[in-house]
C-alpha atoms as a PDB file:
ATOM      1  CA  MET A   1     -45.034  56.877  36.573  1.00  0.00           C
ATOM      2  CA  PRO A   2     -42.116  59.045  37.704  1.00  0.00           C
ATOM      3  CA  ASN A   3     -42.842  62.735  38.064  1.00  0.00           C
ATOM      4  CA  LYS A   4     -40.309  63.753  35.396  1.00  0.00           C
ATOM      5  CA  THR A   5     -41.899  61.457  32.794  1.00  0.00           C
ATOM      6  CA  ARG A   6     -45.388  62.856  33.543  1.00  0.00           C
ATOM      7  CA  HIS A   7     -44.061  66.398  33.139  1.00  0.00           C
ATOM      8  CA  THR A   8     -42.374  65.529  29.825  1.00  0.00           C
ATOM      9  CA  MET A   9     -45.547  63.886  28.480  1.00  0.00           C
ATOM     10  CA  LYS A  10     -47.640  66.852  29.621  1.00  0.00           C
ATOM     11  CA  THR A  11     -45.223  69.249  27.870  1.00  0.00           C
ATOM     12  CA  MET A  12     -45.336  67.152  24.702  1.00  0.00           C
ATOM     13  CA  ARG A  13     -49.166  67.180  24.723  1.00  0.00           C
ATOM     14  CA  PHE A  14     -49.114  70.955  25.235  1.00  0.00           C
ATOM     15  CA  HIS A  15     -46.722  71.475  22.327  1.00  0.00           C
ATOM     16  CA  ALA A  16     -48.754  69.127  20.133  1.00  0.00           C
ATOM     17  CA  SER A  17     -51.957  71.097  20.822  1.00  0.00           C
ATOM     18  CA  VAL A  18     -50.349  74.547  20.493  1.00  0.00           C
ATOM     19  CA  GLU A  19     -48.178  73.788  17.449  1.00  0.00           C
ATOM     20  CA  PRO A  20     -51.000  73.955  14.850  1.00  0.00           C
ATOM     21  CA  LEU A  21     -52.127  77.295  16.299  1.00  0.00           C
ATOM     22  CA  ALA A  22     -48.587  78.644  16.226  1.00  0.00           C
ATOM     23  CA  ASN A  23     -48.097  77.472  12.659  1.00  0.00           C
ATOM     24  CA  ARG A  24     -51.372  79.073  11.595  1.00  0.00           C
ATOM     25  CA  ALA A  25     -50.468  82.350  13.326  1.00  0.00           C
ATOM     26  CA  MET A  26     -47.033  82.353  11.684  1.00  0.00           C
ATOM     27  CA  THR A  27     -48.623  81.670   8.257  1.00  0.00           C
ATOM     28  CA  VAL A  28     -51.072  84.560   8.691  1.00  0.00           C
ATOM     29  CA  CYS A  29     -48.239  86.831   9.787  1.00  0.00           C
ATOM     30  CA  LEU A  30     -46.072  85.817   6.828  1.00  0.00           C
ATOM     31  CA  LEU A  31     -48.934  86.359   4.398  1.00  0.00           C
ATOM     32  CA  ARG A  32     -49.521  89.851   5.788  1.00  0.00           C
ATOM     33  CA  VAL A  33     -45.871  90.684   5.203  1.00  0.00           C
ATOM     34  CA  LEU A  34     -45.432  88.850   1.892  1.00  0.00           C
ATOM     35  CA  LYS A  35     -48.700  89.855   0.176  1.00  0.00           C
ATOM     36  CA  PRO A  36     -47.604  93.465  -0.422  1.00  0.00           C
ATOM     37  CA  LEU A  37     -44.151  92.295  -1.502  1.00  0.00           C
ATOM     38  CA  ILE A  38     -45.629  89.826  -3.978  1.00  0.00           C
ATOM     39  CA  ALA A  39     -47.981  92.502  -5.311  1.00  0.00           C
ATOM     40  CA  LEU A  40     -45.033  94.880  -5.696  1.00  0.00           C
ATOM     41  CA  ALA A  41     -43.014  92.228  -7.547  1.00  0.00           C
ATOM     42  CA  VAL A  42     -45.916  91.497  -9.926  1.00  0.00           C
ATOM     43  CA  LEU A  43     -46.482  95.211 -10.535  1.00  0.00           C
ATOM     44  CA  THR A  44     -42.751  95.775 -11.157  1.00  0.00           C
ATOM     45  CA  CYS A  45     -42.617  92.888 -13.626  1.00  0.00           C
ATOM     46  CA  ALA A  46     -45.746  94.075 -15.422  1.00  0.00           C
ATOM     47  CA  THR A  47     -44.363  97.610 -15.655  1.00  0.00           C
ATOM     48  CA  ALA A  48     -40.978  96.381 -16.926  1.00  0.00           C
ATOM     49  CA  CYS A  49     -42.663  94.157 -19.508  1.00  0.00           C
ATOM     50  CA  SER A  50     -44.840  96.988 -20.754  1.00  0.00           C
ATOM     51  CA  VAL A  51     -41.865  99.339 -21.042  1.00  0.00           C
ATOM     52  CA  THR A  52     -39.445  96.914 -22.724  1.00  0.00           C
ATOM     53  CA  GLY A  53     -42.193  94.822 -24.236  1.00  0.00           C
ATOM     54  CA  THR A  54     -41.754  91.737 -26.295  1.00  0.00           C
ATOM     55  CA  PRO A  55     -40.839  92.139 -29.922  1.00  0.00           C
ATOM     56  CA  SER A  56     -43.858  92.532 -32.152  1.00  0.00           C
ATOM     57  CA  GLN A  57     -44.570  89.849 -34.708  1.00  0.00           C
ATOM     58  CA  GLY A  58     -43.394  92.285 -37.378  1.00  0.00           C
ATOM     59  CA  ALA A  59     -40.068  92.818 -35.610  1.00  0.00           C
ATOM     60  CA  GLN A  60     -39.647  89.066 -35.160  1.00  0.00           C
ATOM     61  CA  ALA A  61     -40.440  88.463 -38.822  1.00  0.00           C
ATOM     62  CA  GLY A  62     -37.840  91.097 -39.749  1.00  0.00           C
ATOM     63  CA  ASP A  63     -35.220  89.456 -37.505  1.00  0.00           C
ATOM     64  CA  ILE A  64     -35.996  86.012 -38.927  1.00  0.00           C
ATOM     65  CA  ALA A  65     -35.697  87.332 -42.496  1.00  0.00           C
ATOM     66  CA  GLN A  66     -32.398  89.077 -41.639  1.00  0.00           C
ATOM     67  CA  LEU A  67     -30.948  85.975 -39.977  1.00  0.00           C
ATOM     68  CA  THR A  68     -32.050  83.754 -42.868  1.00  0.00           C
ATOM     69  CA  ARG A  69     -30.347  86.060 -45.396  1.00  0.00           C
ATOM     70  CA  GLN A  70     -27.251  86.310 -43.221  1.00  0.00           C
ATOM     71  CA  ALA A  71     -26.969  82.529 -42.807  1.00  0.00           C
ATOM     72  CA  ASN A  72     -27.409  81.982 -46.558  1.00  0.00           C
ATOM     73  CA  GLU A  73     -24.758  84.596 -47.367  1.00  0.00           C
ATOM     74  CA  TRP A  74     -22.351  83.057 -44.837  1.00  0.00           C
ATOM     75  CA  ASP A  75     -22.781  79.617 -46.427  1.00  0.00           C
ATOM     76  CA  LYS A  76     -22.060  81.105 -49.863  1.00  0.00           C
ATOM     77  CA  ALA A  77     -19.025  82.989 -48.505  1.00  0.00           C
ATOM     78  CA  ILE A  78     -17.641  79.719 -47.113  1.00  0.00           C
ATOM     79  CA  VAL A  79     -18.057  77.986 -50.492  1.00  0.00           C
ATOM     80  CA  ARG A  80     -16.308  80.837 -52.362  1.00  0.00           C
ATOM     81  CA  LYS A  81     -13.693  81.260 -49.556  1.00  0.00           C
ATOM     82  CA  ASP A  82     -14.412  84.938 -48.970  1.00  0.00           C
ATOM     83  CA  ARG A  83     -12.408  85.653 -45.818  1.00  0.00           C
ATOM     84  CA  GLY A  84     -13.905  89.112 -45.256  1.00  0.00           C
ATOM     85  CA  ALA A  85     -17.516  87.950 -45.534  1.00  0.00           C
ATOM     86  CA  ILE A  86     -16.857  84.904 -43.364  1.00  0.00           C
ATOM     87  CA  GLU A  87     -15.144  86.868 -40.586  1.00  0.00           C
ATOM     88  CA  THR A  88     -17.633  89.762 -40.656  1.00  0.00           C
ATOM     89  CA  ASN A  89     -20.453  87.362 -39.772  1.00  0.00           C
ATOM     90  CA  MET A  90     -18.540  85.865 -36.812  1.00  0.00           C
ATOM     91  CA  ALA A  91     -18.297  87.058 -33.217  1.00  0.00           C
ATOM     92  CA  ASP A  92     -14.723  87.515 -32.016  1.00  0.00           C
ATOM     93  CA  ASP A  93     -15.197  84.751 -29.407  1.00  0.00           C
ATOM     94  CA  PHE A  94     -16.749  82.335 -31.931  1.00  0.00           C
ATOM     95  CA  ARG A  95     -16.570  78.620 -31.113  1.00  0.00           C
ATOM     96  CA  GLN A  96     -17.524  75.577 -33.143  1.00  0.00           C
ATOM     97  CA  ILE A  97     -17.871  72.058 -31.821  1.00  0.00           C
ATOM     98  CA  ASP A  98     -17.664  69.776 -34.813  1.00  0.00           C
ATOM     99  CA  GLY A  99     -18.953  66.246 -35.380  1.00  0.00           C
ATOM    100  CA  ASP A 100     -15.809  64.757 -33.823  1.00  0.00           C
ATOM    101  CA  ALA A 101     -16.190  66.963 -30.693  1.00  0.00           C
ATOM    102  CA  ASP A 102     -13.207  69.103 -31.693  1.00  0.00           C
ATOM    103  CA  ILE A 103     -13.381  72.785 -30.781  1.00  0.00           C
ATOM    104  CA  GLU A 104     -12.564  75.462 -33.333  1.00  0.00           C
ATOM    105  CA  THR A 105     -11.998  79.153 -32.624  1.00  0.00           C
ATOM    106  CA  LYS A 106     -12.731  81.917 -35.081  1.00  0.00           C
ATOM    107  CA  ALA A 107      -9.106  81.886 -36.278  1.00  0.00           C
ATOM    108  CA  SER A 108      -8.829  78.113 -36.644  1.00  0.00           C
ATOM    109  CA  PHE A 109     -12.239  77.864 -38.357  1.00  0.00           C
ATOM    110  CA  VAL A 110     -11.382  80.534 -40.933  1.00  0.00           C
ATOM    111  CA  THR A 111      -7.915  79.064 -41.523  1.00  0.00           C
ATOM    112  CA  GLY A 112      -9.428  75.612 -42.081  1.00  0.00           C
ATOM    113  CA  VAL A 113     -12.087  76.846 -44.504  1.00  0.00           C
ATOM    114  CA  LEU A 114      -9.526  78.807 -46.519  1.00  0.00           C
ATOM    115  CA  LEU A 115      -7.069  75.923 -46.960  1.00  0.00           C
ATOM    116  CA  PRO A 116      -6.188  75.674 -50.663  1.00  0.00           C
ATOM    117  CA  LYS A 117      -6.577  71.888 -50.571  1.00  0.00           C
ATOM    118  CA  LEU A 118     -10.236  72.183 -49.411  1.00  0.00           C
ATOM    119  CA  THR A 119     -13.045  72.625 -51.921  1.00  0.00           C
ATOM    120  CA  ILE A 120     -16.659  72.779 -50.737  1.00  0.00           C
ATOM    121  CA  ASN A 121     -19.359  72.421 -53.368  1.00  0.00           C
ATOM    122  CA  PRO A 122     -22.441  74.654 -53.172  1.00  0.00           C
ATOM    123  CA  TYR A 123     -24.976  73.122 -50.815  1.00  0.00           C
ATOM    124  CA  THR A 124     -28.482  73.726 -49.565  1.00  0.00           C
ATOM    125  CA  VAL A 125     -29.856  73.633 -46.056  1.00  0.00           C
ATOM    126  CA  GLU A 126     -32.927  71.523 -45.357  1.00  0.00           C
ATOM    127  CA  ASP A 127     -35.232  71.667 -42.311  1.00  0.00           C
ATOM    128  CA  PHE A 128     -34.073  75.250 -41.698  1.00  0.00           C
ATOM    129  CA  ASP A 129     -35.555  76.849 -38.580  1.00  0.00           C
ATOM    130  CA  VAL A 130     -35.001  80.096 -36.675  1.00  0.00           C
ATOM    131  CA  ARG A 131     -36.023  80.539 -33.028  1.00  0.00           C
ATOM    132  CA  LEU A 132     -35.670  83.933 -31.363  1.00  0.00           C
ATOM    133  CA  TYR A 133     -34.983  84.599 -27.685  1.00  0.00           C
ATOM    134  CA  GLY A 134     -34.520  88.358 -27.475  1.00  0.00           C
ATOM    135  CA  ASP A 135     -30.981  89.110 -28.631  1.00  0.00           C
ATOM    136  CA  VAL A 136     -30.161  85.425 -29.121  1.00  0.00           C
ATOM    137  CA  ALA A 137     -31.268  83.322 -32.083  1.00  0.00           C
ATOM    138  CA  LEU A 138     -30.961  79.603 -32.683  1.00  0.00           C
ATOM    139  CA  LEU A 139     -30.702  78.619 -36.342  1.00  0.00           C
ATOM    140  CA  SER A 140     -30.864  74.923 -37.090  1.00  0.00           C
ATOM    141  CA  GLY A 141     -30.933  72.744 -40.155  1.00  0.00           C
ATOM    142  CA  ARG A 142     -29.607  69.730 -41.982  1.00  0.00           C
ATOM    143  CA  THR A 143     -26.947  69.792 -44.692  1.00  0.00           C
ATOM    144  CA  GLN A 144     -25.419  67.294 -47.089  1.00  0.00           C
ATOM    145  CA  MET A 145     -22.080  68.801 -47.964  1.00  0.00           C
ATOM    146  CA  THR A 146     -19.766  67.483 -50.667  1.00  0.00           C
ATOM    147  CA  GLY A 147     -16.392  68.562 -51.950  1.00  0.00           C
ATOM    148  CA  SER A 148     -12.793  67.457 -51.945  1.00  0.00           C
ATOM    149  CA  TYR A 149      -9.874  67.617 -49.572  1.00  0.00           C
ATOM    150  CA  ASP A 150      -6.381  67.228 -50.953  1.00  0.00           C
ATOM    151  CA  GLY A 151      -7.873  65.905 -54.197  1.00  0.00           C
ATOM    152  CA  LYS A 152      -9.996  63.234 -52.474  1.00  0.00           C
ATOM    153  CA  PRO A 153     -13.798  63.585 -52.574  1.00  0.00           C
ATOM    154  CA  PHE A 154     -15.794  63.761 -49.356  1.00  0.00           C
ATOM    155  CA  ALA A 155     -19.447  63.766 -48.392  1.00  0.00           C
ATOM    156  CA  SER A 156     -20.697  64.909 -45.027  1.00  0.00           C
ATOM    157  CA  HIS A 157     -24.306  64.756 -43.828  1.00  0.00           C
ATOM    158  CA  TYR A 158     -24.993  66.592 -40.583  1.00  0.00           C
ATOM    159  CA  ARG A 159     -27.446  68.535 -38.470  1.00  0.00           C
ATOM    160  CA  TYR A 160     -26.347  71.773 -36.914  1.00  0.00           C
ATOM    161  CA  ILE A 161     -27.364  74.551 -34.611  1.00  0.00           C
ATOM    162  CA  ASP A 162     -25.918  78.039 -35.026  1.00  0.00           C
ATOM    163  CA  ILE A 163     -26.220  80.497 -32.171  1.00  0.00           C
ATOM    164  CA  TYR A 164     -26.398  84.126 -33.240  1.00  0.00           C
ATOM    165  CA  VAL A 165     -26.155  86.997 -30.757  1.00  0.00           C
ATOM    166  CA  ARG A 166     -27.271  90.567 -31.437  1.00  0.00           C
ATOM    167  CA  SER A 167     -24.941  93.229 -30.073  1.00  0.00           C
ATOM    168  CA  ASN A 168     -25.367  96.932 -30.871  1.00  0.00           C
ATOM    169  CA  GLY A 169     -28.083  95.978 -33.355  1.00  0.00           C
ATOM    170  CA  VAL A 170     -25.846  93.575 -35.333  1.00  0.00           C
ATOM    171  CA  TRP A 171     -26.336  89.792 -35.466  1.00  0.00           C
ATOM    172  CA  LYS A 172     -23.131  87.700 -35.331  1.00  0.00           C
ATOM    173  CA  ILE A 173     -22.654  83.966 -35.171  1.00  0.00           C
ATOM    174  CA  ALA A 174     -21.163  83.076 -31.788  1.00  0.00           C
ATOM    175  CA  SER A 175     -21.302  79.282 -31.752  1.00  0.00           C
ATOM    176  CA  VAL A 176     -21.903  76.297 -34.011  1.00  0.00           C
ATOM    177  CA  GLN A 177     -22.618  72.720 -32.939  1.00  0.00           C
ATOM    178  CA  ILE A 178     -22.520  69.990 -35.565  1.00  0.00           C
ATOM    179  CA  THR A 179     -23.842  66.438 -35.219  1.00  0.00           C
ATOM    180  CA  LYS A 180     -23.058  63.892 -37.926  1.00  0.00           C
ATOM    181  CA  VAL A 181     -26.040  62.029 -39.347  1.00  0.00           C
ATOM    182  CA  PRO A 182     -25.212  58.312 -39.444  1.00  0.00           C
ATOM    183  CA  LYS A 183     -24.965  56.759 -42.913  1.00  0.00           C
END
């Protein structure tokens, strides 16, 4: 066997026998450095959570009740075409994605709802649910809406999700996604 090949094989055997030791030493070294950092991160998180805390069940129940009232009032305002009440509930950057995947802004949504040729009959929401995530709330449900457009009756059955965001203590609807329920 040529001398160079023997040397290469010897070096490879050396590296193969030393490599596990080196890896173990590096792991021990990393753990010594990382353990205090991990402990600090856990302590920081625990401190932050205890200071900010999670909302109590009472606070969550209050938010859910407020959002439920607000959603019901918004639905009624849409039926009676109350521009002020509709707009007050909406964030300025409101967006709706309707059942045809069209996007509505706050202005186009309000304009569409207030069209004189549109009449929406009072409706109820079924399967209503509120989920809270801090200052964001997801309100979902199912609605069978009826009415008329330009004198022609319509019926629309859909599921929706409304996204409300709390800013300066006030909940506003920021986004709506509607999915048509097949007939």
